[in-house]
């Protein structure tokens, strides 16, 4: 952002156990996998 890379990396690699990481990602990932997205209503033709 603004030409400045963040110093600190992703938190997932800093949990002590795989169970902690898996639990965190199960909570965080599905609701946040996209942002600023465009959608059409169900039934809109593919073309």
ModelCIF file with pLDDT and N, C-alpha, C, O atoms, coordinates in Angstrom:
data_MODEL
#
_entry.id   MODEL 
#
_entity.id                         1 
_entity.type                       polymer 
_entity.pdbx_number_of_molecules   1 
#
_entity_poly.entity_id                      1 
_entity_poly.type                           'polypeptide(L)' 
_entity_poly.nstd_linkage                   no 
_entity_poly.nstd_monomer                   no 
_entity_poly.pdbx_seq_one_letter_code       
;(UNK)(UNK)(UNK)(UNK)(UNK)(UNK)(UNK)(UNK)(UNK)(UNK)(UNK)(UNK)(UNK)(UNK)(UNK)(UNK)
(UNK)(UNK)(UNK)(UNK)(UNK)(UNK)(UNK)(UNK)(UNK)(UNK)(UNK)(UNK)(UNK)(UNK)(UNK)(UNK)
(UNK)(UNK)(UNK)(UNK)(UNK)(UNK)(UNK)(UNK)(UNK)(UNK)(UNK)(UNK)(UNK)(UNK)(UNK)
;
_entity_poly.pdbx_seq_one_letter_code_can   XXXXXXXXXXXXXXXXXXXXXXXXXXXXXXXXXXXXXXXXXXXXXXX 
_entity_poly.pdbx_strand_id                 A 
#
loop_
_entity_poly_seq.entity_id 
_entity_poly_seq.num 
_entity_poly_seq.mon_id 
_entity_poly_seq.hetero 
1 1  UNK n 
1 2  UNK n 
1 3  UNK n 
1 4  UNK n 
1 5  UNK n 
1 6  UNK n 
1 7  UNK n 
1 8  UNK n 
1 9  UNK n 
1 10 UNK n 
1 11 UNK n 
1 12 UNK n 
1 13 UNK n 
1 14 UNK n 
1 15 UNK n 
1 16 UNK n 
1 17 UNK n 
1 18 UNK n 
1 19 UNK n 
1 20 UNK n 
1 21 UNK n 
1 22 UNK n 
1 23 UNK n 
1 24 UNK n 
1 25 UNK n 
1 26 UNK n 
1 27 UNK n 
1 28 UNK n 
1 29 UNK n 
1 30 UNK n 
1 31 UNK n 
1 32 UNK n 
1 33 UNK n 
1 34 UNK n 
1 35 UNK n 
1 36 UNK n 
1 37 UNK n 
1 38 UNK n 
1 39 UNK n 
1 40 UNK n 
1 41 UNK n 
1 42 UNK n 
1 43 UNK n 
1 44 UNK n 
1 45 UNK n 
1 46 UNK n 
1 47 UNK n 
#
_struct_asym.id          A 
_struct_asym.entity_id   1 
#
loop_
_ma_qa_metric.id 
_ma_qa_metric.mode 
_ma_qa_metric.name 
_ma_qa_metric.software_group_id 
_ma_qa_metric.type 
1 global pLDDT . pLDDT 
2 local  pLDDT . pLDDT 
#
_ma_qa_metric_global.metric_id      1 
_ma_qa_metric_global.metric_value   87.89 
_ma_qa_metric_global.model_id       1 
_ma_qa_metric_global.ordinal_id     1 
#
loop_
_ma_qa_metric_local.label_asym_id 
_ma_qa_metric_local.label_comp_id 
_ma_qa_metric_local.label_seq_id 
_ma_qa_metric_local.metric_id 
_ma_qa_metric_local.metric_value 
_ma_qa_metric_local.model_id 
_ma_qa_metric_local.ordinal_id 
A UNK 1  2 65.00 1 1  
A UNK 2  2 55.00 1 2  
A UNK 3  2 58.00 1 3  
A UNK 4  2 64.00 1 4  
A UNK 5  2 65.00 1 5  
A UNK 6  2 69.00 1 6  
A UNK 7  2 79.00 1 7  
A UNK 8  2 89.00 1 8  
A UNK 9  2 89.00 1 9  
A UNK 10 2 91.00 1 10 
A UNK 11 2 94.00 1 11 
A UNK 12 2 92.00 1 12 
A UNK 13 2 92.00 1 13 
A UNK 14 2 95.00 1 14 
A UNK 15 2 96.00 1 15 
A UNK 16 2 94.00 1 16 
A UNK 17 2 96.00 1 17 
A UNK 18 2 96.00 1 18 
A UNK 19 2 97.00 1 19 
A UNK 20 2 97.00 1 20 
A UNK 21 2 96.00 1 21 
A UNK 22 2 95.00 1 22 
A UNK 23 2 97.00 1 23 
A UNK 24 2 96.00 1 24 
A UNK 25 2 93.00 1 25 
A UNK 26 2 93.00 1 26 
A UNK 27 2 93.00 1 27 
A UNK 28 2 91.00 1 28 
A UNK 29 2 88.00 1 29 
A UNK 30 2 88.00 1 30 
A UNK 31 2 83.00 1 31 
A UNK 32 2 83.00 1 32 
A UNK 33 2 85.00 1 33 
A UNK 34 2 85.00 1 34 
A UNK 35 2 84.00 1 35 
A UNK 36 2 90.00 1 36 
A UNK 37 2 92.00 1 37 
A UNK 38 2 95.00 1 38 
A UNK 39 2 93.00 1 39 
A UNK 40 2 93.00 1 40 
A UNK 41 2 89.00 1 41 
A UNK 42 2 86.00 1 42 
A UNK 43 2 88.00 1 43 
A UNK 44 2 93.00 1 44 
A UNK 45 2 96.00 1 45 
A UNK 46 2 96.00 1 46 
A UNK 47 2 97.00 1 47 
#
loop_
_atom_site.group_PDB 
_atom_site.id 
_atom_site.type_symbol 
_atom_site.label_atom_id 
_atom_site.label_alt_id 
_atom_site.label_comp_id 
_atom_site.label_asym_id 
_atom_site.label_entity_id 
_atom_site.label_seq_id 
_atom_site.pdbx_PDB_ins_code 
_atom_site.Cartn_x 
_atom_site.Cartn_y 
_atom_site.Cartn_z 
_atom_site.occupancy 
_atom_site.B_iso_or_equiv 
_atom_site.pdbx_formal_charge 
_atom_site.auth_seq_id 
_atom_site.auth_comp_id 
_atom_site.auth_asym_id 
_atom_site.auth_atom_id 
_atom_site.pdbx_PDB_model_num 
ATOM 1   N N  . UNK A 1 1  ? 0.849   -1.183  0.000   1.00 65.00 ? 1  UNK A N  1 
ATOM 2   C CA . UNK A 1 1  ? 0.000   0.000   0.000   1.00 65.00 ? 1  UNK A CA 1 
ATOM 3   C C  . UNK A 1 1  ? 0.887   1.235   0.000   1.00 65.00 ? 1  UNK A C  1 
ATOM 4   O O  . UNK A 1 1  ? 1.799   1.365   0.816   1.00 65.00 ? 1  UNK A O  1 
ATOM 5   N N  . UNK A 1 2  ? 0.603   2.131   -0.923  1.00 55.00 ? 2  UNK A N  1 
ATOM 6   C CA . UNK A 1 2  ? 1.379   3.362   -0.976  1.00 55.00 ? 2  UNK A CA 1 
ATOM 7   C C  . UNK A 1 2  ? 2.844   3.143   -1.227  1.00 55.00 ? 2  UNK A C  1 
ATOM 8   O O  . UNK A 1 2  ? 3.672   3.942   -0.790  1.00 55.00 ? 2  UNK A O  1 
ATOM 9   N N  . UNK A 1 3  ? 3.185   2.080   -1.921  1.00 58.00 ? 3  UNK A N  1 
ATOM 10  C CA . UNK A 1 3  ? 4.580   1.793   -2.205  1.00 58.00 ? 3  UNK A CA 1 
ATOM 11  C C  . UNK A 1 3  ? 5.338   1.227   -1.029  1.00 58.00 ? 3  UNK A C  1 
ATOM 12  O O  . UNK A 1 3  ? 6.557   1.069   -1.111  1.00 58.00 ? 3  UNK A O  1 
ATOM 13  N N  . UNK A 1 4  ? 4.664   0.917   0.063   1.00 64.00 ? 4  UNK A N  1 
ATOM 14  C CA . UNK A 1 4  ? 5.320   0.405   1.260   1.00 64.00 ? 4  UNK A CA 1 
ATOM 15  C C  . UNK A 1 4  ? 4.841   -1.005  1.536   1.00 64.00 ? 4  UNK A C  1 
ATOM 16  O O  . UNK A 1 4  ? 3.656   -1.222  1.789   1.00 64.00 ? 4  UNK A O  1 
ATOM 17  N N  . UNK A 1 5  ? 5.742   -1.955  1.490   1.00 65.00 ? 5  UNK A N  1 
ATOM 18  C CA . UNK A 1 5  ? 5.386   -3.321  1.812   1.00 65.00 ? 5  UNK A CA 1 
ATOM 19  C C  . UNK A 1 5  ? 5.246   -3.474  3.322   1.00 65.00 ? 5  UNK A C  1 
ATOM 20  O O  . UNK A 1 5  ? 6.074   -2.950  4.066   1.00 65.00 ? 5  UNK A O  1 
ATOM 21  N N  . UNK A 1 6  ? 4.243   -4.162  3.782   1.00 69.00 ? 6  UNK A N  1 
ATOM 22  C CA . UNK A 1 6  ? 4.131   -4.370  5.230   1.00 69.00 ? 6  UNK A CA 1 
ATOM 23  C C  . UNK A 1 6  ? 5.278   -5.213  5.757   1.00 69.00 ? 6  UNK A C  1 
ATOM 24  O O  . UNK A 1 6  ? 5.712   -6.170  5.116   1.00 69.00 ? 6  UNK A O  1 
ATOM 25  N N  . UNK A 1 7  ? 5.751   -4.852  6.907   1.00 79.00 ? 7  UNK A N  1 
ATOM 26  C CA . UNK A 1 7  ? 6.868   -5.559  7.523   1.00 79.00 ? 7  UNK A CA 1 
ATOM 27  C C  . UNK A 1 7  ? 6.470   -6.941  8.020   1.00 79.00 ? 7  UNK A C  1 
ATOM 28  O O  . UNK A 1 7  ? 7.267   -7.876  7.948   1.00 79.00 ? 7  UNK A O  1 
ATOM 29  N N  . UNK A 1 8  ? 5.274   -7.079  8.512   1.00 89.00 ? 8  UNK A N  1 
ATOM 30  C CA . UNK A 1 8  ? 4.836   -8.313  9.152   1.00 89.00 ? 8  UNK A CA 1 
ATOM 31  C C  . UNK A 1 8  ? 4.023   -9.168  8.169   1.00 89.00 ? 8  UNK A C  1 
ATOM 32  O O  . UNK A 1 8  ? 3.205   -8.643  7.415   1.00 89.00 ? 8  UNK A O  1 
ATOM 33  N N  . UNK A 1 9  ? 4.251   -10.476 8.183   1.00 89.00 ? 9  UNK A N  1 
ATOM 34  C CA . UNK A 1 9  ? 3.599   -11.356 7.226   1.00 89.00 ? 9  UNK A CA 1 
ATOM 35  C C  . UNK A 1 9  ? 2.279   -11.896 7.779   1.00 89.00 ? 9  UNK A C  1 
ATOM 36  O O  . UNK A 1 9  ? 1.730   -11.353 8.738   1.00 89.00 ? 9  UNK A O  1 
ATOM 37  N N  . UNK A 1 10 ? 1.772   -12.980 7.158   1.00 91.00 ? 10 UNK A N  1 
ATOM 38  C CA . UNK A 1 10 ? 0.474   -13.523 7.509   1.00 91.00 ? 10 UNK A CA 1 
ATOM 39  C C  . UNK A 1 10 ? 0.527   -14.243 8.853   1.00 91.00 ? 10 UNK A C  1 
ATOM 40  O O  . UNK A 1 10 ? 1.473   -14.973 9.149   1.00 91.00 ? 10 UNK A O  1 
ATOM 41  N N  . UNK A 1 11 ? -0.498  -14.024 9.647   1.00 94.00 ? 11 UNK A N  1 
ATOM 42  C CA . UNK A 1 11 ? -0.547  -14.555 11.000  1.00 94.00 ? 11 UNK A CA 1 
ATOM 43  C C  . UNK A 1 11 ? -0.618  -16.076 11.033  1.00 94.00 ? 11 UNK A C  1 
ATOM 44  O O  . UNK A 1 11 ? -0.190  -16.688 12.011  1.00 94.00 ? 11 UNK A O  1 
ATOM 45  N N  . UNK A 1 12 ? -1.157  -16.705 9.971   1.00 92.00 ? 12 UNK A N  1 
ATOM 46  C CA . UNK A 1 12 ? -1.374  -18.154 9.992   1.00 92.00 ? 12 UNK A CA 1 
ATOM 47  C C  . UNK A 1 12 ? -0.096  -18.947 10.221  1.00 92.00 ? 12 UNK A C  1 
ATOM 48  O O  . UNK A 1 12 ? -0.133  -20.030 10.804  1.00 92.00 ? 12 UNK A O  1 
ATOM 49  N N  . UNK A 1 13 ? 1.036   -18.417 9.765   1.00 92.00 ? 13 UNK A N  1 
ATOM 50  C CA . UNK A 1 13 ? 2.295   -19.138 9.912   1.00 92.00 ? 13 UNK A CA 1 
ATOM 51  C C  . UNK A 1 13 ? 2.895   -19.003 11.301  1.00 92.00 ? 13 UNK A C  1 
ATOM 52  O O  . UNK A 1 13 ? 3.961   -19.558 11.565  1.00 92.00 ? 13 UNK A O  1 
ATOM 53  N N  . UNK A 1 14 ? 2.229   -18.272 12.198  1.00 95.00 ? 14 UNK A N  1 
ATOM 54  C CA . UNK A 1 14 ? 2.790   -18.021 13.523  1.00 95.00 ? 14 UNK A CA 1 
ATOM 55  C C  . UNK A 1 14 ? 2.037   -18.701 14.661  1.00 95.00 ? 14 UNK A C  1 
ATOM 56  O O  . UNK A 1 14 ? 2.370   -18.519 15.832  1.00 95.00 ? 14 UNK A O  1 
ATOM 57  N N  . UNK A 1 15 ? 1.011   -19.492 14.303  1.00 96.00 ? 15 UNK A N  1 
ATOM 58  C CA . UNK A 1 15 ? 0.377   -20.309 15.334  1.00 96.00 ? 15 UNK A CA 1 
ATOM 59  C C  . UNK A 1 15 ? 1.277   -21.491 15.667  1.00 96.00 ? 15 UNK A C  1 
ATOM 60  O O  . UNK A 1 15 ? 2.020   -21.972 14.812  1.00 96.00 ? 15 UNK A O  1 
ATOM 61  N N  . UNK A 1 16 ? 1.211   -21.956 16.907  1.00 94.00 ? 16 UNK A N  1 
ATOM 62  C CA . UNK A 1 16 ? 2.082   -23.038 17.337  1.00 94.00 ? 16 UNK A CA 1 
ATOM 63  C C  . UNK A 1 16 ? 1.648   -24.390 16.787  1.00 94.00 ? 16 UNK A C  1 
ATOM 64  O O  . UNK A 1 16 ? 2.495   -25.256 16.566  1.00 94.00 ? 16 UNK A O  1 
ATOM 65  N N  . UNK A 1 17 ? 0.361   -24.594 16.561  1.00 96.00 ? 17 UNK A N  1 
ATOM 66  C CA . UNK A 1 17 ? -0.137  -25.902 16.124  1.00 96.00 ? 17 UNK A CA 1 
ATOM 67  C C  . UNK A 1 17 ? -0.965  -25.769 14.844  1.00 96.00 ? 17 UNK A C  1 
ATOM 68  O O  . UNK A 1 17 ? -1.502  -24.705 14.536  1.00 96.00 ? 17 UNK A O  1 
ATOM 69  N N  . UNK A 1 18 ? -1.054  -26.888 14.104  1.00 96.00 ? 18 UNK A N  1 
ATOM 70  C CA . UNK A 1 18 ? -1.899  -26.929 12.915  1.00 96.00 ? 18 UNK A CA 1 
ATOM 71  C C  . UNK A 1 18 ? -3.368  -26.742 13.278  1.00 96.00 ? 18 UNK A C  1 
ATOM 72  O O  . UNK A 1 18 ? -4.124  -26.132 12.523  1.00 96.00 ? 18 UNK A O  1 
ATOM 73  N N  . UNK A 1 19 ? -3.771  -27.265 14.430  1.00 97.00 ? 19 UNK A N  1 
ATOM 74  C CA . UNK A 1 19 ? -5.164  -27.139 14.860  1.00 97.00 ? 19 UNK A CA 1 
ATOM 75  C C  . UNK A 1 19 ? -5.539  -25.678 15.058  1.00 97.00 ? 19 UNK A C  1 
ATOM 76  O O  . UNK A 1 19 ? -6.641  -25.271 14.689  1.00 97.00 ? 19 UNK A O  1 
ATOM 77  N N  . UNK A 1 20 ? -4.644  -24.882 15.631  1.00 97.00 ? 20 UNK A N  1 
ATOM 78  C CA . UNK A 1 20 ? -4.897  -23.451 15.812  1.00 97.00 ? 20 UNK A CA 1 
ATOM 79  C C  . UNK A 1 20 ? -5.050  -22.758 14.456  1.00 97.00 ? 20 UNK A C  1 
ATOM 80  O O  . UNK A 1 20 ? -5.971  -21.968 14.247  1.00 97.00 ? 20 UNK A O  1 
ATOM 81  N N  . UNK A 1 21 ? -4.143  -23.065 13.555  1.00 96.00 ? 21 UNK A N  1 
ATOM 82  C CA . UNK A 1 21 ? -4.190  -22.439 12.230  1.00 96.00 ? 21 UNK A CA 1 
ATOM 83  C C  . UNK A 1 21 ? -5.465  -22.833 11.487  1.00 96.00 ? 21 UNK A C  1 
ATOM 84  O O  . UNK A 1 21 ? -6.123  -21.985 10.886  1.00 96.00 ? 21 UNK A O  1 
ATOM 85  N N  . UNK A 1 22 ? -5.815  -24.126 11.528  1.00 95.00 ? 22 UNK A N  1 
ATOM 86  C CA . UNK A 1 22 ? -7.001  -24.587 10.817  1.00 95.00 ? 22 UNK A CA 1 
ATOM 87  C C  . UNK A 1 22 ? -8.270  -23.936 11.374  1.00 95.00 ? 22 UNK A C  1 
ATOM 88  O O  . UNK A 1 22 ? -9.161  -23.558 10.614  1.00 95.00 ? 22 UNK A O  1 
ATOM 89  N N  . UNK A 1 23 ? -8.347  -23.808 12.681  1.00 97.00 ? 23 UNK A N  1 
ATOM 90  C CA . UNK A 1 23 ? -9.511  -23.177 13.302  1.00 97.00 ? 23 UNK A CA 1 
ATOM 91  C C  . UNK A 1 23 ? -9.609  -21.710 12.894  1.00 97.00 ? 23 UNK A C  1 
ATOM 92  O O  . UNK A 1 23 ? -10.683 -21.234 12.525  1.00 97.00 ? 23 UNK A O  1 
ATOM 93  N N  . UNK A 1 24 ? -8.496  -21.004 12.960  1.00 96.00 ? 24 UNK A N  1 
ATOM 94  C CA . UNK A 1 24 ? -8.484  -19.594 12.575  1.00 96.00 ? 24 UNK A CA 1 
ATOM 95  C C  . UNK A 1 24 ? -8.911  -19.408 11.124  1.00 96.00 ? 24 UNK A C  1 
ATOM 96  O O  . UNK A 1 24 ? -9.738  -18.546 10.827  1.00 96.00 ? 24 UNK A O  1 
ATOM 97  N N  . UNK A 1 25 ? -8.352  -20.210 10.218  1.00 93.00 ? 25 UNK A N  1 
ATOM 98  C CA . UNK A 1 25 ? -8.668  -20.060 8.801   1.00 93.00 ? 25 UNK A CA 1 
ATOM 99  C C  . UNK A 1 25 ? -10.107 -20.463 8.490   1.00 93.00 ? 25 UNK A C  1 
ATOM 100 O O  . UNK A 1 25 ? -10.724 -19.897 7.588   1.00 93.00 ? 25 UNK A O  1 
ATOM 101 N N  . UNK A 1 26 ? -10.644 -21.430 9.222   1.00 93.00 ? 26 UNK A N  1 
ATOM 102 C CA . UNK A 1 26 ? -12.045 -21.804 9.029   1.00 93.00 ? 26 UNK A CA 1 
ATOM 103 C C  . UNK A 1 26 ? -12.973 -20.658 9.414   1.00 93.00 ? 26 UNK A C  1 
ATOM 104 O O  . UNK A 1 26 ? -14.040 -20.496 8.823   1.00 93.00 ? 26 UNK A O  1 
ATOM 105 N N  . UNK A 1 27 ? -12.571 -19.862 10.403  1.00 93.00 ? 27 UNK A N  1 
ATOM 106 C CA . UNK A 1 27 ? -13.371 -18.716 10.827  1.00 93.00 ? 27 UNK A CA 1 
ATOM 107 C C  . UNK A 1 27 ? -13.200 -17.540 9.871   1.00 93.00 ? 27 UNK A C  1 
ATOM 108 O O  . UNK A 1 27 ? -14.183 -16.904 9.491   1.00 93.00 ? 27 UNK A O  1 
ATOM 109 N N  . UNK A 1 28 ? -11.972 -17.248 9.482   1.00 91.00 ? 28 UNK A N  1 
ATOM 110 C CA . UNK A 1 28 ? -11.656 -16.035 8.739   1.00 91.00 ? 28 UNK A CA 1 
ATOM 111 C C  . UNK A 1 28 ? -11.878 -16.148 7.241   1.00 91.00 ? 28 UNK A C  1 
ATOM 112 O O  . UNK A 1 28 ? -12.375 -15.203 6.628   1.00 91.00 ? 28 UNK A O  1 
ATOM 113 N N  . UNK A 1 29 ? -11.525 -17.278 6.629   1.00 88.00 ? 29 UNK A N  1 
ATOM 114 C CA . UNK A 1 29 ? -11.409 -17.320 5.177   1.00 88.00 ? 29 UNK A CA 1 
ATOM 115 C C  . UNK A 1 29 ? -12.727 -17.247 4.400   1.00 88.00 ? 29 UNK A C  1 
ATOM 116 O O  . UNK A 1 29 ? -12.850 -16.386 3.529   1.00 88.00 ? 29 UNK A O  1 
ATOM 117 N N  . UNK A 1 30 ? -13.724 -18.107 4.669   1.00 88.00 ? 30 UNK A N  1 
ATOM 118 C CA . UNK A 1 30 ? -14.916 -18.082 3.807   1.00 88.00 ? 30 UNK A CA 1 
ATOM 119 C C  . UNK A 1 30 ? -15.629 -16.738 3.718   1.00 88.00 ? 30 UNK A C  1 
ATOM 120 O O  . UNK A 1 30 ? -16.071 -16.379 2.627   1.00 88.00 ? 30 UNK A O  1 
ATOM 121 N N  . UNK A 1 31 ? -15.768 -15.974 4.797   1.00 83.00 ? 31 UNK A N  1 
ATOM 122 C CA . UNK A 1 31 ? -16.473 -14.693 4.644   1.00 83.00 ? 31 UNK A CA 1 
ATOM 123 C C  . UNK A 1 31 ? -15.645 -13.595 3.985   1.00 83.00 ? 31 UNK A C  1 
ATOM 124 O O  . UNK A 1 31 ? -16.181 -12.528 3.685   1.00 83.00 ? 31 UNK A O  1 
ATOM 125 N N  . UNK A 1 32 ? -14.367 -13.822 3.754   1.00 83.00 ? 32 UNK A N  1 
ATOM 126 C CA . UNK A 1 32 ? -13.491 -12.732 3.312   1.00 83.00 ? 32 UNK A CA 1 
ATOM 127 C C  . UNK A 1 32 ? -12.664 -13.069 2.071   1.00 83.00 ? 32 UNK A C  1 
ATOM 128 O O  . UNK A 1 32 ? -11.653 -12.413 1.818   1.00 83.00 ? 32 UNK A O  1 
ATOM 129 N N  . UNK A 1 33 ? -13.064 -14.065 1.302   1.00 85.00 ? 33 UNK A N  1 
ATOM 130 C CA . UNK A 1 33 ? -12.210 -14.518 0.210   1.00 85.00 ? 33 UNK A CA 1 
ATOM 131 C C  . UNK A 1 33 ? -12.237 -13.579 -0.997  1.00 85.00 ? 33 UNK A C  1 
ATOM 132 O O  . UNK A 1 33 ? -11.350 -13.658 -1.847  1.00 85.00 ? 33 UNK A O  1 
ATOM 133 N N  . UNK A 1 34 ? -13.226 -12.699 -1.094  1.00 85.00 ? 34 UNK A N  1 
ATOM 134 C CA . UNK A 1 34 ? -13.301 -11.723 -2.174  1.00 85.00 ? 34 UNK A CA 1 
ATOM 135 C C  . UNK A 1 34 ? -13.708 -10.365 -1.601  1.00 85.00 ? 34 UNK A C  1 
ATOM 136 O O  . UNK A 1 34 ? -14.313 -10.285 -0.531  1.00 85.00 ? 34 UNK A O  1 
ATOM 137 N N  . UNK A 1 35 ? -13.377 -9.333  -2.307  1.00 84.00 ? 35 UNK A N  1 
ATOM 138 C CA . UNK A 1 35 ? -13.820 -8.004  -1.907  1.00 84.00 ? 35 UNK A CA 1 
ATOM 139 C C  . UNK A 1 35 ? -14.056 -7.170  -3.160  1.00 84.00 ? 35 UNK A C  1 
ATOM 140 O O  . UNK A 1 35 ? -13.381 -7.327  -4.177  1.00 84.00 ? 35 UNK A O  1 
ATOM 141 N N  . UNK A 1 36 ? -15.043 -6.276  -3.051  1.00 90.00 ? 36 UNK A N  1 
ATOM 142 C CA . UNK A 1 36 ? -15.385 -5.413  -4.184  1.00 90.00 ? 36 UNK A CA 1 
ATOM 143 C C  . UNK A 1 36 ? -15.719 -6.270  -5.410  1.00 90.00 ? 36 UNK A C  1 
ATOM 144 O O  . UNK A 1 36 ? -15.042 -6.220  -6.437  1.00 90.00 ? 36 UNK A O  1 
ATOM 145 N N  . UNK A 1 37 ? -16.788 -7.055  -5.259  1.00 92.00 ? 37 UNK A N  1 
ATOM 146 C CA . UNK A 1 37 ? -17.159 -8.052  -6.261  1.00 92.00 ? 37 UNK A CA 1 
ATOM 147 C C  . UNK A 1 37 ? -18.473 -7.686  -6.942  1.00 92.00 ? 37 UNK A C  1 
ATOM 148 O O  . UNK A 1 37 ? -19.341 -7.048  -6.347  1.00 92.00 ? 37 UNK A O  1 
ATOM 149 N N  . UNK A 1 38 ? -18.602 -8.103  -8.199  1.00 95.00 ? 38 UNK A N  1 
ATOM 150 C CA . UNK A 1 38 ? -19.782 -7.848  -9.020  1.00 95.00 ? 38 UNK A CA 1 
ATOM 151 C C  . UNK A 1 38 ? -20.557 -9.145  -9.208  1.00 95.00 ? 38 UNK A C  1 
ATOM 152 O O  . UNK A 1 38 ? -19.979 -10.177 -9.548  1.00 95.00 ? 38 UNK A O  1 
ATOM 153 N N  . UNK A 1 39 ? -21.881 -9.090  -8.983  1.00 93.00 ? 39 UNK A N  1 
ATOM 154 C CA . UNK A 1 39 ? -22.733 -10.265 -9.063  1.00 93.00 ? 39 UNK A CA 1 
ATOM 155 C C  . UNK A 1 39 ? -23.998 -9.966  -9.865  1.00 93.00 ? 39 UNK A C  1 
ATOM 156 O O  . UNK A 1 39 ? -24.476 -8.833  -9.899  1.00 93.00 ? 39 UNK A O  1 
ATOM 157 N N  . UNK A 1 40 ? -24.526 -11.004 -10.506 1.00 93.00 ? 40 UNK A N  1 
ATOM 158 C CA . UNK A 1 40 ? -25.810 -10.953 -11.191 1.00 93.00 ? 40 UNK A CA 1 
ATOM 159 C C  . UNK A 1 40 ? -26.790 -11.887 -10.485 1.00 93.00 ? 40 UNK A C  1 
ATOM 160 O O  . UNK A 1 40 ? -26.364 -12.840 -9.834  1.00 93.00 ? 40 UNK A O  1 
ATOM 161 N N  . UNK A 1 41 ? -28.109 -11.628 -10.603 1.00 89.00 ? 41 UNK A N  1 
ATOM 162 C CA . UNK A 1 41 ? -29.087 -12.476 -9.929  1.00 89.00 ? 41 UNK A CA 1 
ATOM 163 C C  . UNK A 1 41 ? -29.061 -13.909 -10.439 1.00 89.00 ? 41 UNK A C  1 
ATOM 164 O O  . UNK A 1 41 ? -28.653 -14.156 -11.574 1.00 89.00 ? 41 UNK A O  1 
ATOM 165 N N  . UNK A 1 42 ? -29.494 -14.856 -9.608  1.00 86.00 ? 42 UNK A N  1 
ATOM 166 C CA . UNK A 1 42 ? -29.614 -16.238 -10.074 1.00 86.00 ? 42 UNK A CA 1 
ATOM 167 C C  . UNK A 1 42 ? -30.533 -16.317 -11.279 1.00 86.00 ? 42 UNK A C  1 
ATOM 168 O O  . UNK A 1 42 ? -31.535 -15.606 -11.352 1.00 86.00 ? 42 UNK A O  1 
ATOM 169 N N  . UNK A 1 43 ? -30.191 -17.185 -12.226 1.00 88.00 ? 43 UNK A N  1 
ATOM 170 C CA . UNK A 1 43 ? -31.011 -17.348 -13.417 1.00 88.00 ? 43 UNK A CA 1 
ATOM 171 C C  . UNK A 1 43 ? -30.604 -16.473 -14.578 1.00 88.00 ? 43 UNK A C  1 
ATOM 172 O O  . UNK A 1 43 ? -31.151 -16.619 -15.671 1.00 88.00 ? 43 UNK A O  1 
ATOM 173 N N  . UNK A 1 44 ? -29.652 -15.557 -14.378 1.00 93.00 ? 44 UNK A N  1 
ATOM 174 C CA . UNK A 1 44 ? -29.160 -14.755 -15.489 1.00 93.00 ? 44 UNK A CA 1 
ATOM 175 C C  . UNK A 1 44 ? -28.412 -15.665 -16.459 1.00 93.00 ? 44 UNK A C  1 
ATOM 176 O O  . UNK A 1 44 ? -27.533 -16.410 -16.026 1.00 93.00 ? 44 UNK A O  1 
ATOM 177 N N  . UNK A 1 45 ? -28.728 -15.632 -17.766 1.00 96.00 ? 45 UNK A N  1 
ATOM 178 C CA . UNK A 1 45 ? -28.061 -16.521 -18.724 1.00 96.00 ? 45 UNK A CA 1 
ATOM 179 C C  . UNK A 1 45 ? -26.548 -16.347 -18.740 1.00 96.00 ? 45 UNK A C  1 
ATOM 180 O O  . UNK A 1 45 ? -26.026 -15.254 -18.521 1.00 96.00 ? 45 UNK A O  1 
ATOM 181 N N  . UNK A 1 46 ? -25.858 -17.454 -19.005 1.00 96.00 ? 46 UNK A N  1 
ATOM 182 C CA . UNK A 1 46 ? -24.402 -17.441 -19.007 1.00 96.00 ? 46 UNK A CA 1 
ATOM 183 C C  . UNK A 1 46 ? -23.834 -16.476 -20.048 1.00 96.00 ? 46 UNK A C  1 
ATOM 184 O O  . UNK A 1 46 ? -22.848 -15.790 -19.783 1.00 96.00 ? 46 UNK A O  1 
ATOM 185 N N  . UNK A 1 47 ? -24.455 -16.421 -21.237 1.00 97.00 ? 47 UNK A N  1 
ATOM 186 C CA . UNK A 1 47 ? -23.877 -15.576 -22.282 1.00 97.00 ? 47 UNK A CA 1 
ATOM 187 C C  . UNK A 1 47 ? -23.908 -14.095 -21.897 1.00 97.00 ? 47 UNK A C  1 
ATOM 188 O O  . UNK A 1 47 ? -23.458 -13.247 -22.668 1.00 97.00 ? 47 UNK A O  1 
#
